[in-house]
Amino acid sequence: MENNMNEQQKIKEVTLFDEVYKVENLTHRVTQSFVAIQRMDKEAQEANYQSVKAASAVEFQKQQLKTMIEEDKIQSEPKVEVVEEDKK
């Protein structure tokens, strides 16, 4: 199998703000900005995924801890009520 990098598909058009533009007509700064936005969007999606994954892991570990406490029959301490005195 021959790996020819010159035959990769190239993007010919992009959609920006609901308008279609030919890549060949974009200026260098517009192209660079578009690429930067695409990269930031991808990184934001990854960060969101990592956040959701971490939150799920925390919740799972909390459930595991609660189960361990129940299985080990560990009793919690009684709640102490705090009485506030009137300051006059």
PDB file of N, CA and C in Angstrom:
ATOM      1  N   MET A   1       0.855  -1.180   0.000  1.00  0.00           N
ATOM      2  CA  MET A   1       0.000   0.000   0.000  1.00  0.00           C
ATOM      3  C   MET A   1       0.895   1.236   0.000  1.00  0.00           C
ATOM      4  N   GLU A   2       0.617   2.146  -0.878  1.00  0.00           N
ATOM      5  CA  GLU A   2       1.421   3.353  -1.008  1.00  0.00           C
ATOM      6  C   GLU A   2       0.782   4.486  -0.218  1.00  0.00           C
ATOM      7  N   ASN A   3       1.589   5.153   0.569  1.00  0.00           N
ATOM      8  CA  ASN A   3       1.101   6.267   1.374  1.00  0.00           C
ATOM      9  C   ASN A   3       1.532   7.559   0.705  1.00  0.00           C
ATOM     10  N   ASN A   4       0.646   8.174  -0.030  1.00  0.00           N
ATOM     11  CA  ASN A   4       0.974   9.388  -0.754  1.00  0.00           C
ATOM     12  C   ASN A   4       0.299  10.574  -0.078  1.00  0.00           C
ATOM     13  N   MET A   5       1.095  11.372   0.617  1.00  0.00           N
ATOM     14  CA  MET A   5       0.562  12.516   1.354  1.00  0.00           C
ATOM     15  C   MET A   5       0.015  13.596   0.421  1.00  0.00           C
ATOM     16  N   ASN A   6       0.465  13.630  -0.839  1.00  0.00           N
ATOM     17  CA  ASN A   6       0.000  14.650  -1.765  1.00  0.00           C
ATOM     18  C   ASN A   6      -1.442  14.419  -2.203  1.00  0.00           C
ATOM     19  N   GLU A   7      -1.952  13.211  -1.996  1.00  0.00           N
ATOM     20  CA  GLU A   7      -3.301  12.894  -2.420  1.00  0.00           C
ATOM     21  C   GLU A   7      -4.329  13.035  -1.305  1.00  0.00           C
ATOM     22  N   GLN A   8      -3.926  13.677  -0.185  1.00  0.00           N
ATOM     23  CA  GLN A   8      -4.881  13.895   0.900  1.00  0.00           C
ATOM     24  C   GLN A   8      -5.979  14.838   0.421  1.00  0.00           C
ATOM     25  N   GLN A   9      -7.170  14.635   0.977  1.00  0.00           N
ATOM     26  CA  GLN A   9      -8.262  15.547   0.645  1.00  0.00           C
ATOM     27  C   GLN A   9      -7.964  16.910   1.242  1.00  0.00           C
ATOM     28  N   LYS A  10      -8.169  17.940   0.463  1.00  0.00           N
ATOM     29  CA  LYS A  10      -7.972  19.300   0.943  1.00  0.00           C
ATOM     30  C   LYS A  10      -9.321  19.976   1.056  1.00  0.00           C
ATOM     31  N   ILE A  11      -9.455  20.789   2.078  1.00  0.00           N
ATOM     32  CA  ILE A  11     -10.698  21.541   2.278  1.00  0.00           C
ATOM     33  C   ILE A  11     -10.762  22.639   1.222  1.00  0.00           C
ATOM     34  N   LYS A  12     -11.883  22.689   0.528  1.00  0.00           N
ATOM     35  CA  LYS A  12     -12.038  23.680  -0.539  1.00  0.00           C
ATOM     36  C   LYS A  12     -12.941  24.832  -0.119  1.00  0.00           C
ATOM     37  N   GLU A  13     -13.851  24.552   0.820  1.00  0.00           N
ATOM     38  CA  GLU A  13     -14.788  25.579   1.278  1.00  0.00           C
ATOM     39  C   GLU A  13     -14.955  25.469   2.788  1.00  0.00           C
ATOM     40  N   VAL A  14     -15.261  26.608   3.411  1.00  0.00           N
ATOM     41  CA  VAL A  14     -15.574  26.626   4.837  1.00  0.00           C
ATOM     42  C   VAL A  14     -16.842  27.446   5.032  1.00  0.00           C
ATOM     43  N   THR A  15     -17.551  27.101   6.090  1.00  0.00           N
ATOM     44  CA  THR A  15     -18.750  27.860   6.432  1.00  0.00           C
ATOM     45  C   THR A  15     -18.448  28.682   7.673  1.00  0.00           C
ATOM     46  N   LEU A  16     -18.576  29.988   7.528  1.00  0.00           N
ATOM     47  CA  LEU A  16     -18.345  30.918   8.631  1.00  0.00           C
ATOM     48  C   LEU A  16     -19.558  31.825   8.751  1.00  0.00           C
ATOM     49  N   PHE A  17     -20.138  31.864   9.920  1.00  0.00           N
ATOM     50  CA  PHE A  17     -21.301  32.728  10.168  1.00  0.00           C
ATOM     51  C   PHE A  17     -22.415  32.490   9.151  1.00  0.00           C
ATOM     52  N   ASP A  18     -22.674  31.211   8.894  1.00  0.00           N
ATOM     53  CA  ASP A  18     -23.727  30.779   7.980  1.00  0.00           C
ATOM     54  C   ASP A  18     -23.491  31.200   6.526  1.00  0.00           C
ATOM     55  N   GLU A  19     -22.252  31.503   6.187  1.00  0.00           N
ATOM     56  CA  GLU A  19     -21.886  31.841   4.814  1.00  0.00           C
ATOM     57  C   GLU A  19     -20.783  30.882   4.372  1.00  0.00           C
ATOM     58  N   VAL A  20     -20.798  30.485   3.091  1.00  0.00           N
ATOM     59  CA  VAL A  20     -19.793  29.572   2.553  1.00  0.00           C
ATOM     60  C   VAL A  20     -18.737  30.393   1.815  1.00  0.00           C
ATOM     61  N   TYR A  21     -17.463  30.097   2.129  1.00  0.00           N
ATOM     62  CA  TYR A  21     -16.337  30.789   1.492  1.00  0.00           C
ATOM     63  C   TYR A  21     -15.377  29.768   0.902  1.00  0.00           C
ATOM     64  N   LYS A  22     -14.821  30.093  -0.265  1.00  0.00           N
ATOM     65  CA  LYS A  22     -13.772  29.254  -0.848  1.00  0.00           C
ATOM     66  C   LYS A  22     -12.486  29.535  -0.080  1.00  0.00           C
ATOM     67  N   VAL A  23     -11.780  28.468   0.294  1.00  0.00           N
ATOM     68  CA  VAL A  23     -10.534  28.600   1.042  1.00  0.00           C
ATOM     69  C   VAL A  23      -9.529  29.445   0.263  1.00  0.00           C
ATOM     70  N   GLU A  24      -9.505  29.290  -1.033  1.00  0.00           N
ATOM     71  CA  GLU A  24      -8.541  30.029  -1.862  1.00  0.00           C
ATOM     72  C   GLU A  24      -8.741  31.542  -1.793  1.00  0.00           C
ATOM     73  N   ASN A  25      -9.945  31.982  -1.387  1.00  0.00           N
ATOM     74  CA  ASN A  25     -10.222  33.414  -1.303  1.00  0.00           C
ATOM     75  C   ASN A  25      -9.949  34.007   0.078  1.00  0.00           C
ATOM     76  N   LEU A  26      -9.658  33.153   1.061  1.00  0.00           N
ATOM     77  CA  LEU A  26      -9.424  33.652   2.419  1.00  0.00           C
ATOM     78  C   LEU A  26      -8.022  34.224   2.546  1.00  0.00           C
ATOM     79  N   THR A  27      -7.914  35.308   3.288  1.00  0.00           N
ATOM     80  CA  THR A  27      -6.591  35.871   3.560  1.00  0.00           C
ATOM     81  C   THR A  27      -5.886  35.017   4.598  1.00  0.00           C
ATOM     82  N   HIS A  28      -4.591  35.231   4.720  1.00  0.00           N
ATOM     83  CA  HIS A  28      -3.797  34.455   5.675  1.00  0.00           C
ATOM     84  C   HIS A  28      -4.319  34.649   7.108  1.00  0.00           C
ATOM     85  N   ARG A  29      -4.617  35.882   7.473  1.00  0.00           N
ATOM     86  CA  ARG A  29      -5.067  36.127   8.854  1.00  0.00           C
ATOM     87  C   ARG A  29      -6.427  35.504   9.136  1.00  0.00           C
ATOM     88  N   VAL A  30      -7.312  35.495   8.143  1.00  0.00           N
ATOM     89  CA  VAL A  30      -8.622  34.851   8.321  1.00  0.00           C
ATOM     90  C   VAL A  30      -8.437  33.346   8.455  1.00  0.00           C
ATOM     91  N   THR A  31      -7.587  32.774   7.636  1.00  0.00           N
ATOM     92  CA  THR A  31      -7.312  31.334   7.709  1.00  0.00           C
ATOM     93  C   THR A  31      -6.723  30.972   9.066  1.00  0.00           C
ATOM     94  N   GLN A  32      -5.749  31.752   9.524  1.00  0.00           N
ATOM     95  CA  GLN A  32      -5.109  31.477  10.814  1.00  0.00           C
ATOM     96  C   GLN A  32      -6.112  31.603  11.958  1.00  0.00           C
ATOM     97  N   SER A  33      -6.964  32.603  11.888  1.00  0.00           N
ATOM     98  CA  SER A  33      -7.977  32.792  12.926  1.00  0.00           C
ATOM     99  C   SER A  33      -8.977  31.639  12.918  1.00  0.00           C
ATOM    100  N   PHE A  34      -9.377  31.213  11.727  1.00  0.00           N
ATOM    101  CA  PHE A  34     -10.300  30.086  11.598  1.00  0.00           C
ATOM    102  C   PHE A  34      -9.686  28.827  12.195  1.00  0.00           C
ATOM    103  N   VAL A  35      -8.441  28.552  11.874  1.00  0.00           N
ATOM    104  CA  VAL A  35      -7.749  27.377  12.399  1.00  0.00           C
ATOM    105  C   VAL A  35      -7.644  27.465  13.926  1.00  0.00           C
ATOM    106  N   ALA A  36      -7.321  28.657  14.427  1.00  0.00           N
ATOM    107  CA  ALA A  36      -7.212  28.839  15.883  1.00  0.00           C
ATOM    108  C   ALA A  36      -8.555  28.582  16.564  1.00  0.00           C
ATOM    109  N   ILE A  37      -9.633  29.079  15.978  1.00  0.00           N
ATOM    110  CA  ILE A  37     -10.964  28.867  16.552  1.00  0.00           C
ATOM    111  C   ILE A  37     -11.317  27.387  16.546  1.00  0.00           C
ATOM    112  N   GLN A  38     -11.009  26.699  15.463  1.00  0.00           N
ATOM    113  CA  GLN A  38     -11.284  25.264  15.393  1.00  0.00           C
ATOM    114  C   GLN A  38     -10.522  24.525  16.484  1.00  0.00           C
ATOM    115  N   ARG A  39      -9.264  24.888  16.674  1.00  0.00           N
ATOM    116  CA  ARG A  39      -8.444  24.234  17.708  1.00  0.00           C
ATOM    117  C   ARG A  39      -8.979  24.540  19.108  1.00  0.00           C
ATOM    118  N   MET A  40      -9.337  25.812  19.353  1.00  0.00           N
ATOM    119  CA  MET A  40      -9.887  26.177  20.664  1.00  0.00           C
ATOM    120  C   MET A  40     -11.180  25.441  20.944  1.00  0.00           C
ATOM    121  N   ASP A  41     -12.024  25.314  19.917  1.00  0.00           N
ATOM    122  CA  ASP A  41     -13.285  24.604  20.085  1.00  0.00           C
ATOM    123  C   ASP A  41     -13.032  23.141  20.440  1.00  0.00           C
ATOM    124  N   LYS A  42     -12.088  22.528  19.747  1.00  0.00           N
ATOM    125  CA  LYS A  42     -11.747  21.132  20.023  1.00  0.00           C
ATOM    126  C   LYS A  42     -11.217  20.988  21.453  1.00  0.00           C
ATOM    127  N   GLU A  43     -10.347  21.910  21.867  1.00  0.00           N
ATOM    128  CA  GLU A  43      -9.798  21.868  23.219  1.00  0.00           C
ATOM    129  C   GLU A  43     -10.884  22.115  24.271  1.00  0.00           C
ATOM    130  N   ALA A  44     -11.827  23.001  23.972  1.00  0.00           N
ATOM    131  CA  ALA A  44     -12.928  23.265  24.906  1.00  0.00           C
ATOM    132  C   ALA A  44     -13.802  22.019  25.059  1.00  0.00           C
ATOM    133  N   GLN A  45     -14.057  21.335  23.955  1.00  0.00           N
ATOM    134  CA  GLN A  45     -14.830  20.093  24.023  1.00  0.00           C
ATOM    135  C   GLN A  45     -14.096  19.045  24.840  1.00  0.00           C
ATOM    136  N   GLU A  46     -12.792  18.943  24.659  1.00  0.00           N
ATOM    137  CA  GLU A  46     -11.981  17.988  25.420  1.00  0.00           C
ATOM    138  C   GLU A  46     -11.988  18.340  26.908  1.00  0.00           C
ATOM    139  N   ALA A  47     -11.852  19.637  27.210  1.00  0.00           N
ATOM    140  CA  ALA A  47     -11.868  20.078  28.613  1.00  0.00           C
ATOM    141  C   ALA A  47     -13.219  19.765  29.253  1.00  0.00           C
ATOM    142  N   ASN A  48     -14.302  19.969  28.501  1.00  0.00           N
ATOM    143  CA  ASN A  48     -15.627  19.648  29.008  1.00  0.00           C
ATOM    144  C   ASN A  48     -15.746  18.151  29.277  1.00  0.00           C
ATOM    145  N   TYR A  49     -15.265  17.344  28.349  1.00  0.00           N
ATOM    146  CA  TYR A  49     -15.289  15.892  28.525  1.00  0.00           C
ATOM    147  C   TYR A  49     -14.498  15.486  29.768  1.00  0.00           C
ATOM    148  N   GLN A  50     -13.301  16.055  29.938  1.00  0.00           N
ATOM    149  CA  GLN A  50     -12.466  15.722  31.093  1.00  0.00           C
ATOM    150  C   GLN A  50     -13.161  16.129  32.392  1.00  0.00           C
ATOM    151  N   SER A  51     -13.839  17.267  32.376  1.00  0.00           N
ATOM    152  CA  SER A  51     -14.563  17.734  33.555  1.00  0.00           C
ATOM    153  C   SER A  51     -15.705  16.788  33.922  1.00  0.00           C
ATOM    154  N   VAL A  52     -16.472  16.384  32.922  1.00  0.00           N
ATOM    155  CA  VAL A  52     -17.584  15.448  33.144  1.00  0.00           C
ATOM    156  C   VAL A  52     -17.041  14.112  33.640  1.00  0.00           C
ATOM    157  N   LYS A  53     -15.952  13.662  33.038  1.00  0.00           N
ATOM    158  CA  LYS A  53     -15.344  12.393  33.433  1.00  0.00           C
ATOM    159  C   LYS A  53     -14.862  12.461  34.884  1.00  0.00           C
ATOM    160  N   ALA A  54     -14.214  13.556  35.258  1.00  0.00           N
ATOM    161  CA  ALA A  54     -13.726  13.712  36.630  1.00  0.00           C
ATOM    162  C   ALA A  54     -14.886  13.775  37.623  1.00  0.00           C
ATOM    163  N   ALA A  55     -15.936  14.507  37.280  1.00  0.00           N
ATOM    164  CA  ALA A  55     -17.101  14.607  38.154  1.00  0.00           C
ATOM    165  C   ALA A  55     -17.756  13.235  38.335  1.00  0.00           C
ATOM    166  N   SER A  56     -17.825  12.463  37.266  1.00  0.00           N
ATOM    167  CA  SER A  56     -18.394  11.115  37.358  1.00  0.00           C
ATOM    168  C   SER A  56     -17.541  10.225  38.249  1.00  0.00           C
ATOM    169  N   ALA A  57     -16.229  10.350  38.129  1.00  0.00           N
ATOM    170  CA  ALA A  57     -15.326   9.559  38.966  1.00  0.00           C
ATOM    171  C   ALA A  57     -15.480   9.924  40.439  1.00  0.00           C
ATOM    172  N   VAL A  58     -15.635  11.206  40.720  1.00  0.00           N
ATOM    173  CA  VAL A  58     -15.831  11.652  42.104  1.00  0.00           C
ATOM    174  C   VAL A  58     -17.120  11.071  42.668  1.00  0.00           C
ATOM    175  N   GLU A  59     -18.203  11.148  41.895  1.00  0.00           N
ATOM    176  CA  GLU A  59     -19.483  10.607  42.362  1.00  0.00           C
ATOM    177  C   GLU A  59     -19.396   9.103  42.587  1.00  0.00           C
ATOM    178  N   PHE A  60     -18.717   8.394  41.703  1.00  0.00           N
ATOM    179  CA  PHE A  60     -18.538   6.959  41.868  1.00  0.00           C
ATOM    180  C   PHE A  60     -17.771   6.661  43.156  1.00  0.00           C
ATOM    181  N   GLN A  61     -16.698   7.400  43.407  1.00  0.00           N
ATOM    182  CA  GLN A  61     -15.905   7.175  44.608  1.00  0.00           C
ATOM    183  C   GLN A  61     -16.698   7.502  45.873  1.00  0.00           C
ATOM    184  N   LYS A  62     -17.539   8.520  45.814  1.00  0.00           N
ATOM    185  CA  LYS A  62     -18.400   8.852  46.960  1.00  0.00           C
ATOM    186  C   LYS A  62     -19.343   7.690  47.264  1.00  0.00           C
ATOM    187  N   GLN A  63     -19.919   7.110  46.211  1.00  0.00           N
ATOM    188  CA  GLN A  63     -20.816   5.968  46.402  1.00  0.00           C
ATOM    189  C   GLN A  63     -20.051   4.782  46.991  1.00  0.00           C
ATOM    190  N   GLN A  64     -18.839   4.560  46.500  1.00  0.00           N
ATOM    191  CA  GLN A  64     -18.017   3.481  47.035  1.00  0.00           C
ATOM    192  C   GLN A  64     -17.719   3.702  48.508  1.00  0.00           C
ATOM    193  N   LEU A  65     -17.385   4.933  48.878  1.00  0.00           N
ATOM    194  CA  LEU A  65     -17.091   5.265  50.272  1.00  0.00           C
ATOM    195  C   LEU A  65     -18.318   5.045  51.154  1.00  0.00           C
ATOM    196  N   LYS A  66     -19.480   5.487  50.678  1.00  0.00           N
ATOM    197  CA  LYS A  66     -20.718   5.299  51.439  1.00  0.00           C
ATOM    198  C   LYS A  66     -20.990   3.809  51.648  1.00  0.00           C
ATOM    199  N   THR A  67     -20.796   3.011  50.605  1.00  0.00           N
ATOM    200  CA  THR A  67     -20.993   1.563  50.708  1.00  0.00           C
ATOM    201  C   THR A  67     -20.020   0.949  51.705  1.00  0.00           C
ATOM    202  N   MET A  68     -18.770   1.375  51.675  1.00  0.00           N
ATOM    203  CA  MET A  68     -17.769   0.858  52.612  1.00  0.00           C
ATOM    204  C   MET A  68     -18.147   1.163  54.058  1.00  0.00           C
ATOM    205  N   ILE A  69     -18.618   2.378  54.299  1.00  0.00           N
ATOM    206  CA  ILE A  69     -19.025   2.765  55.661  1.00  0.00           C
ATOM    207  C   ILE A  69     -20.178   1.887  56.126  1.00  0.00           C
ATOM    208  N   GLU A  70     -21.146   1.644  55.229  1.00  0.00           N
ATOM    209  CA  GLU A  70     -22.284   0.792  55.573  1.00  0.00           C
ATOM    210  C   GLU A  70     -21.833  -0.651  55.805  1.00  0.00           C
ATOM    211  N   GLU A  71     -20.987  -1.174  54.937  1.00  0.00           N
ATOM    212  CA  GLU A  71     -20.515  -2.554  55.066  1.00  0.00           C
ATOM    213  C   GLU A  71     -19.690  -2.753  56.347  1.00  0.00           C
ATOM    214  N   ASP A  72     -18.895  -1.753  56.690  1.00  0.00           N
ATOM    215  CA  ASP A  72     -18.056  -1.845  57.881  1.00  0.00           C
ATOM    216  C   ASP A  72     -18.810  -1.462  59.158  1.00  0.00           C
ATOM    217  N   LYS A  73     -20.100  -1.119  58.971  1.00  0.00           N
ATOM    218  CA  LYS A  73     -20.989  -0.777  60.087  1.00  0.00           C
ATOM    219  C   LYS A  73     -20.400   0.316  60.981  1.00  0.00           C
ATOM    220  N   ILE A  74     -19.887   1.355  60.350  1.00  0.00           N
ATOM    221  CA  ILE A  74     -19.341   2.497  61.096  1.00  0.00           C
ATOM    222  C   ILE A  74     -20.489   3.437  61.419  1.00  0.00           C
ATOM    223  N   GLN A  75     -20.606   3.769  62.695  1.00  0.00           N
ATOM    224  CA  GLN A  75     -21.679   4.643  63.160  1.00  0.00           C
ATOM    225  C   GLN A  75     -21.217   6.099  63.138  1.00  0.00           C
ATOM    226  N   SER A  76     -22.102   6.963  62.701  1.00  0.00           N
ATOM    227  CA  SER A  76     -21.787   8.393  62.727  1.00  0.00           C
ATOM    228  C   SER A  76     -22.020   8.934  64.132  1.00  0.00           C
ATOM    229  N   GLU A  77     -21.415  10.051  64.413  1.00  0.00           N
ATOM    230  CA  GLU A  77     -21.588  10.699  65.708  1.00  0.00           C
ATOM    231  C   GLU A  77     -22.929  11.411  65.736  1.00  0.00           C
ATOM    232  N   PRO A  78     -23.554  11.469  66.911  1.00  0.00           N
ATOM    233  CA  PRO A  78     -24.840  12.169  66.992  1.00  0.00           C
ATOM    234  C   PRO A  78     -24.670  13.653  66.676  1.00  0.00           C
ATOM    235  N   LYS A  79     -25.687  14.214  66.053  1.00  0.00           N
ATOM    236  CA  LYS A  79     -25.650  15.638  65.708  1.00  0.00           C
ATOM    237  C   LYS A  79     -25.868  16.463  66.967  1.00  0.00           C
ATOM    238  N   VAL A  80     -25.091  17.507  67.105  1.00  0.00           N
ATOM    239  CA  VAL A  80     -25.193  18.401  68.251  1.00  0.00           C
ATOM    240  C   VAL A  80     -25.866  19.683  67.793  1.00  0.00           C
ATOM    241  N   GLU A  81     -26.931  20.056  68.487  1.00  0.00           N
ATOM    242  CA  GLU A  81     -27.626  21.283  68.126  1.00  0.00           C
ATOM    243  C   GLU A  81     -26.950  22.463  68.802  1.00  0.00           C
ATOM    244  N   VAL A  82     -26.787  23.537  68.060  1.00  0.00           N
ATOM    245  CA  VAL A  82     -26.181  24.751  68.595  1.00  0.00           C
ATOM    246  C   VAL A  82     -27.318  25.704  68.938  1.00  0.00           C
ATOM    247  N   VAL A  83     -27.310  26.158  70.195  1.00  0.00           N
ATOM    248  CA  VAL A  83     -28.340  27.098  70.648  1.00  0.00           C
ATOM    249  C   VAL A  83     -27.744  28.479  70.668  1.00  0.00           C
ATOM    250  N   GLU A  84     -28.394  29.399  69.956  1.00  0.00           N
ATOM    251  CA  GLU A  84     -27.909  30.777  69.925  1.00  0.00           C
ATOM    252  C   GLU A  84     -28.602  31.570  71.028  1.00  0.00           C
ATOM    253  N   GLU A  85     -27.826  32.357  71.754  1.00  0.00           N
ATOM    254  CA  GLU A  85     -28.387  33.191  72.809  1.00  0.00           C
ATOM    255  C   GLU A  85     -28.690  34.575  72.251  1.00  0.00           C
ATOM    256  N   ASP A  86     -29.747  35.157  72.791  1.00  0.00           N
ATOM    257  CA  ASP A  86     -30.102  36.521  72.405  1.00  0.00           C
ATOM    258  C   ASP A  86     -29.054  37.485  72.942  1.00  0.00           C
ATOM    259  N   LYS A  87     -28.564  38.351  72.106  1.00  0.00           N
ATOM    260  CA  LYS A  87     -27.582  39.353  72.549  1.00  0.00           C
ATOM    261  C   LYS A  87     -28.291  40.692  72.649  1.00  0.00           C
ATOM    262  N   LYS A  88     -28.617  41.093  73.895  1.00  0.00           N
ATOM    263  CA  LYS A  88     -29.288  42.396  74.105  1.00  0.00           C
ATOM    264  C   LYS A  88     -28.531  43.208  75.094  1.00  0.00           C
TER     265      LYS A  88
END
